[in-house]
Amino acid sequence: MSGRAPIAGASKSTVTSGAARLGFVVGELACVLGSVPRAVGQACGANPFPLATPCHRVLAKLGPGGFAHARGGWLLETKLWLLQHEQAI
């Protein structure tokens, strides 16, 4: 995985290390990383270890956003549970 090219200017490792801060909005994280929100969202969605690398902490501008490329169902419910457990929302 480390030999893969960055996703539209945002490498998965850079995004996931930035996601460790609780409650980052995807656009803010993109600005910090010098990238764009879509690339950050794609990198977070491709995160294979969501508990070890807390991409669930990256939120959309107007709500929780998605989780693992899903915008509903049990994956989003899991994201909401994790955020509530961490007292982020």
PDB file of N, CA and C in Angstrom:
ATOM      1  N   MET A   1       0.795  -1.189   0.000  1.00  0.00           N
ATOM      2  CA  MET A   1       0.000   0.000   0.000  1.00  0.00           C
ATOM      3  C   MET A   1       0.844   1.262   0.000  1.00  0.00           C
ATOM      4  N   SER A   2       1.980   1.244   0.652  1.00  0.00           N
ATOM      5  CA  SER A   2       2.779   2.459   0.752  1.00  0.00           C
ATOM      6  C   SER A   2       3.346   2.897  -0.588  1.00  0.00           C
ATOM      7  N   GLY A   3       3.417   1.997  -1.569  1.00  0.00           N
ATOM      8  CA  GLY A   3       3.932   2.361  -2.868  1.00  0.00           C
ATOM      9  C   GLY A   3       2.886   2.965  -3.792  1.00  0.00           C
ATOM     10  N   ARG A   4       1.650   3.060  -3.332  1.00  0.00           N
ATOM     11  CA  ARG A   4       0.580   3.595  -4.169  1.00  0.00           C
ATOM     12  C   ARG A   4       0.662   5.111  -4.251  1.00  0.00           C
ATOM     13  N   ALA A   5       0.196   5.642  -5.353  1.00  0.00           N
ATOM     14  CA  ALA A   5       0.205   7.088  -5.567  1.00  0.00           C
ATOM     15  C   ALA A   5      -0.857   7.764  -4.718  1.00  0.00           C
ATOM     16  N   PRO A   6      -0.653   9.036  -4.374  1.00  0.00           N
ATOM     17  CA  PRO A   6      -1.665   9.771  -3.620  1.00  0.00           C
ATOM     18  C   PRO A   6      -2.979   9.859  -4.390  1.00  0.00           C
ATOM     19  N   ILE A   7      -4.074   9.940  -3.661  1.00  0.00           N
ATOM     20  CA  ILE A   7      -5.389  10.087  -4.273  1.00  0.00           C
ATOM     21  C   ILE A   7      -5.644  11.571  -4.462  1.00  0.00           C
ATOM     22  N   ALA A   8      -5.531  12.062  -5.671  1.00  0.00           N
ATOM     23  CA  ALA A   8      -5.817  13.464  -6.011  1.00  0.00           C
ATOM     24  C   ALA A   8      -5.178  14.436  -5.035  1.00  0.00           C
ATOM     25  N   GLY A   9      -3.938  14.217  -4.691  1.00  0.00           N
ATOM     26  CA  GLY A   9      -3.216  15.154  -3.847  1.00  0.00           C
ATOM     27  C   GLY A   9      -3.318  14.884  -2.363  1.00  0.00           C
ATOM     28  N   ALA A  10      -4.036  13.883  -1.956  1.00  0.00           N
ATOM     29  CA  ALA A  10      -4.144  13.562  -0.533  1.00  0.00           C
ATOM     30  C   ALA A  10      -3.819  12.089  -0.338  1.00  0.00           C
ATOM     31  N   SER A  11      -2.659  11.798   0.216  1.00  0.00           N
ATOM     32  CA  SER A  11      -2.300  10.403   0.433  1.00  0.00           C
ATOM     33  C   SER A  11      -3.103   9.859   1.598  1.00  0.00           C
ATOM     34  N   LYS A  12      -3.398   8.572   1.554  1.00  0.00           N
ATOM     35  CA  LYS A  12      -4.162   7.954   2.635  1.00  0.00           C
ATOM     36  C   LYS A  12      -3.464   8.127   3.975  1.00  0.00           C
ATOM     37  N   SER A  13      -2.141   7.956   4.006  1.00  0.00           N
ATOM     38  CA  SER A  13      -1.432   8.060   5.282  1.00  0.00           C
ATOM     39  C   SER A  13      -1.491   9.464   5.851  1.00  0.00           C
ATOM     40  N   THR A  14      -1.407  10.475   5.003  1.00  0.00           N
ATOM     41  CA  THR A  14      -1.489  11.856   5.465  1.00  0.00           C
ATOM     42  C   THR A  14      -2.877  12.164   5.992  1.00  0.00           C
ATOM     43  N   VAL A  15      -3.892  11.735   5.276  1.00  0.00           N
ATOM     44  CA  VAL A  15      -5.271  11.990   5.698  1.00  0.00           C
ATOM     45  C   VAL A  15      -5.576  11.260   6.989  1.00  0.00           C
ATOM     46  N   THR A  16      -5.204  10.006   7.068  1.00  0.00           N
ATOM     47  CA  THR A  16      -5.545   9.246   8.263  1.00  0.00           C
ATOM     48  C   THR A  16      -4.795   9.743   9.484  1.00  0.00           C
ATOM     49  N   SER A  17      -3.593  10.265   9.313  1.00  0.00           N
ATOM     50  CA  SER A  17      -2.896  10.833  10.476  1.00  0.00           C
ATOM     51  C   SER A  17      -3.560  12.131  10.905  1.00  0.00           C
ATOM     52  N   GLY A  18      -4.102  12.897   9.961  1.00  0.00           N
ATOM     53  CA  GLY A  18      -4.820  14.119  10.294  1.00  0.00           C
ATOM     54  C   GLY A  18      -6.173  13.847  10.914  1.00  0.00           C
ATOM     55  N   ALA A  19      -6.732  12.684  10.661  1.00  0.00           N
ATOM     56  CA  ALA A  19      -8.053  12.330  11.173  1.00  0.00           C
ATOM     57  C   ALA A  19      -8.040  12.023  12.661  1.00  0.00           C
ATOM     58  N   ALA A  20      -6.885  11.920  13.264  1.00  0.00           N
ATOM     59  CA  ALA A  20      -6.813  11.585  14.680  1.00  0.00           C
ATOM     60  C   ALA A  20      -7.426  12.669  15.567  1.00  0.00           C
ATOM     61  N   ARG A  21      -7.503  13.902  15.044  1.00  0.00           N
ATOM     62  CA  ARG A  21      -8.132  14.971  15.823  1.00  0.00           C
ATOM     63  C   ARG A  21      -9.645  14.806  15.785  1.00  0.00           C
ATOM     64  N   LEU A  22     -10.269  14.897  16.908  1.00  0.00           N
ATOM     65  CA  LEU A  22     -11.706  14.695  17.025  1.00  0.00           C
ATOM     66  C   LEU A  22     -12.492  15.824  16.368  1.00  0.00           C
ATOM     67  N   GLY A  23     -13.434  15.483  15.490  1.00  0.00           N
ATOM     68  CA  GLY A  23     -14.355  16.443  14.923  1.00  0.00           C
ATOM     69  C   GLY A  23     -13.825  17.327  13.805  1.00  0.00           C
ATOM     70  N   PHE A  24     -12.849  16.886  13.068  1.00  0.00           N
ATOM     71  CA  PHE A  24     -12.347  17.645  11.918  1.00  0.00           C
ATOM     72  C   PHE A  24     -13.414  17.638  10.828  1.00  0.00           C
ATOM     73  N   VAL A  25     -13.718  18.775  10.268  1.00  0.00           N
ATOM     74  CA  VAL A  25     -14.608  18.836   9.106  1.00  0.00           C
ATOM     75  C   VAL A  25     -13.748  18.572   7.875  1.00  0.00           C
ATOM     76  N   VAL A  26     -14.272  17.784   6.943  1.00  0.00           N
ATOM     77  CA  VAL A  26     -13.491  17.326   5.797  1.00  0.00           C
ATOM     78  C   VAL A  26     -12.845  18.493   5.040  1.00  0.00           C
ATOM     79  N   GLY A  27     -13.536  19.599   4.882  1.00  0.00           N
ATOM     80  CA  GLY A  27     -12.972  20.758   4.183  1.00  0.00           C
ATOM     81  C   GLY A  27     -11.807  21.375   4.941  1.00  0.00           C
ATOM     82  N   GLU A  28     -11.925  21.427   6.269  1.00  0.00           N
ATOM     83  CA  GLU A  28     -10.829  21.954   7.095  1.00  0.00           C
ATOM     84  C   GLU A  28      -9.599  21.071   6.984  1.00  0.00           C
ATOM     85  N   LEU A  29      -9.818  19.764   7.056  1.00  0.00           N
ATOM     86  CA  LEU A  29      -8.700  18.833   6.949  1.00  0.00           C
ATOM     87  C   LEU A  29      -8.050  18.954   5.572  1.00  0.00           C
ATOM     88  N   ALA A  30      -8.848  19.117   4.536  1.00  0.00           N
ATOM     89  CA  ALA A  30      -8.304  19.285   3.184  1.00  0.00           C
ATOM     90  C   ALA A  30      -7.429  20.532   3.109  1.00  0.00           C
ATOM     91  N   CYS A  31      -7.885  21.638   3.714  1.00  0.00           N
ATOM     92  CA  CYS A  31      -7.081  22.871   3.703  1.00  0.00           C
ATOM     93  C   CYS A  31      -5.766  22.678   4.440  1.00  0.00           C
ATOM     94  N   VAL A  32      -5.819  22.030   5.586  1.00  0.00           N
ATOM     95  CA  VAL A  32      -4.609  21.782   6.372  1.00  0.00           C
ATOM     96  C   VAL A  32      -3.614  20.943   5.568  1.00  0.00           C
ATOM     97  N   LEU A  33      -4.140  19.981   4.822  1.00  0.00           N
ATOM     98  CA  LEU A  33      -3.287  19.070   4.053  1.00  0.00           C
ATOM     99  C   LEU A  33      -2.917  19.612   2.677  1.00  0.00           C
ATOM    100  N   GLY A  34      -3.499  20.749   2.290  1.00  0.00           N
ATOM    101  CA  GLY A  34      -3.239  21.296   0.964  1.00  0.00           C
ATOM    102  C   GLY A  34      -3.891  20.468  -0.130  1.00  0.00           C
ATOM    103  N   SER A  35      -5.055  19.935   0.164  1.00  0.00           N
ATOM    104  CA  SER A  35      -5.758  19.067  -0.771  1.00  0.00           C
ATOM    105  C   SER A  35      -7.174  19.597  -0.988  1.00  0.00           C
ATOM    106  N   VAL A  36      -8.045  18.741  -1.478  1.00  0.00           N
ATOM    107  CA  VAL A  36      -9.448  19.091  -1.702  1.00  0.00           C
ATOM    108  C   VAL A  36     -10.326  18.116  -0.914  1.00  0.00           C
ATOM    109  N   PRO A  37     -11.541  18.559  -0.522  1.00  0.00           N
ATOM    110  CA  PRO A  37     -12.412  17.704   0.295  1.00  0.00           C
ATOM    111  C   PRO A  37     -12.704  16.334  -0.314  1.00  0.00           C
ATOM    112  N   ARG A  38     -12.928  16.280  -1.606  1.00  0.00           N
ATOM    113  CA  ARG A  38     -13.252  14.986  -2.224  1.00  0.00           C
ATOM    114  C   ARG A  38     -12.114  13.982  -2.052  1.00  0.00           C
ATOM    115  N   ALA A  39     -10.883  14.438  -2.210  1.00  0.00           N
ATOM    116  CA  ALA A  39      -9.732  13.538  -2.050  1.00  0.00           C
ATOM    117  C   ALA A  39      -9.625  13.055  -0.613  1.00  0.00           C
ATOM    118  N   VAL A  40      -9.875  13.947   0.337  1.00  0.00           N
ATOM    119  CA  VAL A  40      -9.841  13.553   1.746  1.00  0.00           C
ATOM    120  C   VAL A  40     -10.928  12.522   2.026  1.00  0.00           C
ATOM    121  N   GLY A  41     -12.136  12.767   1.516  1.00  0.00           N
ATOM    122  CA  GLY A  41     -13.224  11.813   1.706  1.00  0.00           C
ATOM    123  C   GLY A  41     -12.925  10.456   1.098  1.00  0.00           C
ATOM    124  N   GLN A  42     -12.326  10.455  -0.084  1.00  0.00           N
ATOM    125  CA  GLN A  42     -11.969   9.191  -0.728  1.00  0.00           C
ATOM    126  C   GLN A  42     -10.915   8.436   0.069  1.00  0.00           C
ATOM    127  N   ALA A  43      -9.932   9.162   0.576  1.00  0.00           N
ATOM    128  CA  ALA A  43      -8.883   8.517   1.372  1.00  0.00           C
ATOM    129  C   ALA A  43      -9.459   7.951   2.667  1.00  0.00           C
ATOM    130  N   CYS A  44     -10.342   8.705   3.312  1.00  0.00           N
ATOM    131  CA  CYS A  44     -10.973   8.200   4.540  1.00  0.00           C
ATOM    132  C   CYS A  44     -11.855   6.994   4.243  1.00  0.00           C
ATOM    133  N   GLY A  45     -12.601   7.047   3.153  1.00  0.00           N
ATOM    134  CA  GLY A  45     -13.466   5.935   2.804  1.00  0.00           C
ATOM    135  C   GLY A  45     -12.703   4.671   2.487  1.00  0.00           C
ATOM    136  N   ALA A  46     -11.476   4.810   2.032  1.00  0.00           N
ATOM    137  CA  ALA A  46     -10.651   3.653   1.687  1.00  0.00           C
ATOM    138  C   ALA A  46      -9.843   3.131   2.874  1.00  0.00           C
ATOM    139  N   ASN A  47     -10.029   3.724   4.029  1.00  0.00           N
ATOM    140  CA  ASN A  47      -9.294   3.315   5.231  1.00  0.00           C
ATOM    141  C   ASN A  47      -9.688   1.891   5.627  1.00  0.00           C
ATOM    142  N   PRO A  48      -8.759   0.932   5.592  1.00  0.00           N
ATOM    143  CA  PRO A  48      -9.104  -0.445   5.923  1.00  0.00           C
ATOM    144  C   PRO A  48      -9.157  -0.738   7.427  1.00  0.00           C
ATOM    145  N   PHE A  49      -8.706   0.187   8.247  1.00  0.00           N
ATOM    146  CA  PHE A  49      -8.670  -0.027   9.700  1.00  0.00           C
ATOM    147  C   PHE A  49      -9.335   1.143  10.425  1.00  0.00           C
ATOM    148  N   PRO A  50     -10.671   1.265  10.347  1.00  0.00           N
ATOM    149  CA  PRO A  50     -11.336   2.454  10.872  1.00  0.00           C
ATOM    150  C   PRO A  50     -11.230   2.639  12.382  1.00  0.00           C
ATOM    151  N   LEU A  51     -10.994   1.608  13.133  1.00  0.00           N
ATOM    152  CA  LEU A  51     -10.836   1.799  14.575  1.00  0.00           C
ATOM    153  C   LEU A  51      -9.411   2.175  14.937  1.00  0.00           C
ATOM    154  N   ALA A  52      -8.449   1.600  14.247  1.00  0.00           N
ATOM    155  CA  ALA A  52      -7.051   1.938  14.522  1.00  0.00           C
ATOM    156  C   ALA A  52      -6.697   3.314  13.963  1.00  0.00           C
ATOM    157  N   THR A  53      -7.253   3.643  12.817  1.00  0.00           N
ATOM    158  CA  THR A  53      -7.053   4.951  12.191  1.00  0.00           C
ATOM    159  C   THR A  53      -8.417   5.619  12.141  1.00  0.00           C
ATOM    160  N   PRO A  54      -8.670   6.578  13.009  1.00  0.00           N
ATOM    161  CA  PRO A  54     -10.033   7.067  13.254  1.00  0.00           C
ATOM    162  C   PRO A  54     -10.609   8.013  12.207  1.00  0.00           C
ATOM    163  N   CYS A  55     -10.797   7.525  11.003  1.00  0.00           N
ATOM    164  CA  CYS A  55     -11.406   8.362   9.964  1.00  0.00           C
ATOM    165  C   CYS A  55     -12.867   8.674  10.259  1.00  0.00           C
ATOM    166  N   HIS A  56     -13.477   7.934  11.175  1.00  0.00           N
ATOM    167  CA  HIS A  56     -14.857   8.240  11.542  1.00  0.00           C
ATOM    168  C   HIS A  56     -14.959   9.620  12.194  1.00  0.00           C
ATOM    169  N   ARG A  57     -13.845  10.173  12.635  1.00  0.00           N
ATOM    170  CA  ARG A  57     -13.845  11.494  13.259  1.00  0.00           C
ATOM    171  C   ARG A  57     -13.925  12.637  12.256  1.00  0.00           C
ATOM    172  N   VAL A  58     -13.735  12.349  10.980  1.00  0.00           N
ATOM    173  CA  VAL A  58     -13.826  13.375   9.944  1.00  0.00           C
ATOM    174  C   VAL A  58     -15.299  13.522   9.571  1.00  0.00           C
ATOM    175  N   LEU A  59     -15.810  14.733   9.721  1.00  0.00           N
ATOM    176  CA  LEU A  59     -17.229  15.002   9.524  1.00  0.00           C
ATOM    177  C   LEU A  59     -17.474  15.797   8.253  1.00  0.00           C
ATOM    178  N   ALA A  60     -18.692  15.744   7.750  1.00  0.00           N
ATOM    179  CA  ALA A  60     -19.093  16.577   6.625  1.00  0.00           C
ATOM    180  C   ALA A  60     -19.417  17.975   7.152  1.00  0.00           C
ATOM    181  N   LYS A  61     -19.487  18.939   6.272  1.00  0.00           N
ATOM    182  CA  LYS A  61     -19.782  20.315   6.672  1.00  0.00           C
ATOM    183  C   LYS A  61     -21.155  20.424   7.325  1.00  0.00           C
ATOM    184  N   LEU A  62     -22.121  19.681   6.822  1.00  0.00           N
ATOM    185  CA  LEU A  62     -23.494  19.788   7.306  1.00  0.00           C
ATOM    186  C   LEU A  62     -24.010  18.486   7.898  1.00  0.00           C
ATOM    187  N   GLY A  63     -23.228  17.837   8.714  1.00  0.00           N
ATOM    188  CA  GLY A  63     -23.671  16.597   9.336  1.00  0.00           C
ATOM    189  C   GLY A  63     -22.526  15.617   9.478  1.00  0.00           C
ATOM    190  N   PRO A  64     -22.874  14.398   9.821  1.00  0.00           N
ATOM    191  CA  PRO A  64     -21.812  13.415  10.071  1.00  0.00           C
ATOM    192  C   PRO A  64     -21.095  12.940   8.821  1.00  0.00           C
ATOM    193  N   GLY A  65     -21.731  13.049   7.651  1.00  0.00           N
ATOM    194  CA  GLY A  65     -21.110  12.550   6.429  1.00  0.00           C
ATOM    195  C   GLY A  65     -21.266  11.055   6.313  1.00  0.00           C
ATOM    196  N   GLY A  66     -20.410  10.439   5.554  1.00  0.00           N
ATOM    197  CA  GLY A  66     -20.488   8.997   5.349  1.00  0.00           C
ATOM    198  C   GLY A  66     -19.432   8.261   6.147  1.00  0.00           C
ATOM    199  N   PHE A  67     -19.388   6.977   5.919  1.00  0.00           N
ATOM    200  CA  PHE A  67     -18.410   6.131   6.608  1.00  0.00           C
ATOM    201  C   PHE A  67     -18.131   4.938   5.719  1.00  0.00           C
ATOM    202  N   ALA A  68     -16.878   4.731   5.370  1.00  0.00           N
ATOM    203  CA  ALA A  68     -16.459   3.613   4.521  1.00  0.00           C
ATOM    204  C   ALA A  68     -17.225   3.611   3.198  1.00  0.00           C
ATOM    205  N   HIS A  69     -17.363   4.787   2.592  1.00  0.00           N
ATOM    206  CA  HIS A  69     -18.063   5.005   1.326  1.00  0.00           C
ATOM    207  C   HIS A  69     -19.563   4.728   1.414  1.00  0.00           C
ATOM    208  N   ALA A  70     -20.124   4.689   2.613  1.00  0.00           N
ATOM    209  CA  ALA A  70     -21.568   4.489   2.781  1.00  0.00           C
ATOM    210  C   ALA A  70     -22.176   5.751   3.389  1.00  0.00           C
ATOM    211  N   ARG A  71     -23.361   6.084   2.957  1.00  0.00           N
ATOM    212  CA  ARG A  71     -24.052   7.261   3.490  1.00  0.00           C
ATOM    213  C   ARG A  71     -25.251   6.883   4.339  1.00  0.00           C
ATOM    214  N   GLY A  72     -25.399   5.614   4.639  1.00  0.00           N
ATOM    215  CA  GLY A  72     -26.513   5.156   5.455  1.00  0.00           C
ATOM    216  C   GLY A  72     -26.283   3.730   5.903  1.00  0.00           C
ATOM    217  N   GLY A  73     -27.268   3.179   6.575  1.00  0.00           N
ATOM    218  CA  GLY A  73     -27.182   1.793   7.005  1.00  0.00           C
ATOM    219  C   GLY A  73     -26.301   1.600   8.226  1.00  0.00           C
ATOM    220  N   TRP A  74     -25.884   0.367   8.428  1.00  0.00           N
ATOM    221  CA  TRP A  74     -25.155   0.028   9.649  1.00  0.00           C
ATOM    222  C   TRP A  74     -23.791   0.710   9.734  1.00  0.00           C
ATOM    223  N   LEU A  75     -23.186   1.020   8.582  1.00  0.00           N
ATOM    224  CA  LEU A  75     -21.887   1.701   8.635  1.00  0.00           C
ATOM    225  C   LEU A  75     -22.022   3.110   9.204  1.00  0.00           C
ATOM    226  N   LEU A  76     -23.021   3.853   8.756  1.00  0.00           N
ATOM    227  CA  LEU A  76     -23.226   5.189   9.309  1.00  0.00           C
ATOM    228  C   LEU A  76     -23.660   5.107  10.765  1.00  0.00           C
ATOM    229  N   GLU A  77     -24.475   4.123  11.103  1.00  0.00           N
ATOM    230  CA  GLU A  77     -24.873   3.924  12.501  1.00  0.00           C
ATOM    231  C   GLU A  77     -23.644   3.643  13.371  1.00  0.00           C
ATOM    232  N   THR A  78     -22.705   2.888  12.842  1.00  0.00           N
ATOM    233  CA  THR A  78     -21.462   2.603  13.564  1.00  0.00           C
ATOM    234  C   THR A  78     -20.664   3.881  13.776  1.00  0.00           C
ATOM    235  N   LYS A  79     -20.570   4.723  12.746  1.00  0.00           N
ATOM    236  CA  LYS A  79     -19.858   5.995  12.867  1.00  0.00           C
ATOM    237  C   LYS A  79     -20.495   6.848  13.957  1.00  0.00           C
ATOM    238  N   LEU A  80     -21.820   6.958  13.936  1.00  0.00           N
ATOM    239  CA  LEU A  80     -22.511   7.759  14.938  1.00  0.00           C
ATOM    240  C   LEU A  80     -22.294   7.210  16.342  1.00  0.00           C
ATOM    241  N   TRP A  81     -22.315   5.872  16.475  1.00  0.00           N
ATOM    242  CA  TRP A  81     -22.066   5.266  17.777  1.00  0.00           C
ATOM    243  C   TRP A  81     -20.649   5.585  18.266  1.00  0.00           C
ATOM    244  N   LEU A  82     -19.671   5.462  17.384  1.00  0.00           N
ATOM    245  CA  LEU A  82     -18.289   5.759  17.755  1.00  0.00           C
ATOM    246  C   LEU A  82     -18.137   7.214  18.189  1.00  0.00           C
ATOM    247  N   LEU A  83     -18.755   8.138  17.449  1.00  0.00           N
ATOM    248  CA  LEU A  83     -18.676   9.551  17.812  1.00  0.00           C
ATOM    249  C   LEU A  83     -19.355   9.827  19.150  1.00  0.00           C
ATOM    250  N   GLN A  84     -20.497   9.206  19.388  1.00  0.00           N
ATOM    251  CA  GLN A  84     -21.176   9.379  20.667  1.00  0.00           C
ATOM    252  C   GLN A  84     -20.340   8.789  21.794  1.00  0.00           C
ATOM    253  N   HIS A  85     -19.751   7.638  21.539  1.00  0.00           N
ATOM    254  CA  HIS A  85     -18.899   6.987  22.536  1.00  0.00           C
ATOM    255  C   HIS A  85     -17.705   7.877  22.895  1.00  0.00           C
ATOM    256  N   GLU A  86     -17.177   8.578  21.908  1.00  0.00           N
ATOM    257  CA  GLU A  86     -16.042   9.474  22.126  1.00  0.00           C
ATOM    258  C   GLU A  86     -16.492  10.871  22.558  1.00  0.00           C
ATOM    259  N   GLN A  87     -17.806  11.074  22.634  1.00  0.00           N
ATOM    260  CA  GLN A  87     -18.404  12.355  23.026  1.00  0.00           C
ATOM    261  C   GLN A  87     -18.016  13.494  22.077  1.00  0.00           C
ATOM    262  N   ALA A  88     -17.985  13.165  20.780  1.00  0.00           N
ATOM    263  CA  ALA A  88     -17.645  14.177  19.769  1.00  0.00           C
ATOM    264  C   ALA A  88     -18.884  14.925  19.313  1.00  0.00           C
ATOM    265  N   ILE A  89     -20.057  14.274  19.448  1.00  0.00           N
ATOM    266  CA  ILE A  89     -21.299  14.948  19.038  1.00  0.00           C
ATOM    267  C   ILE A  89     -22.288  14.915  20.169  1.00  0.00           C
TER     268      ILE A  89
END
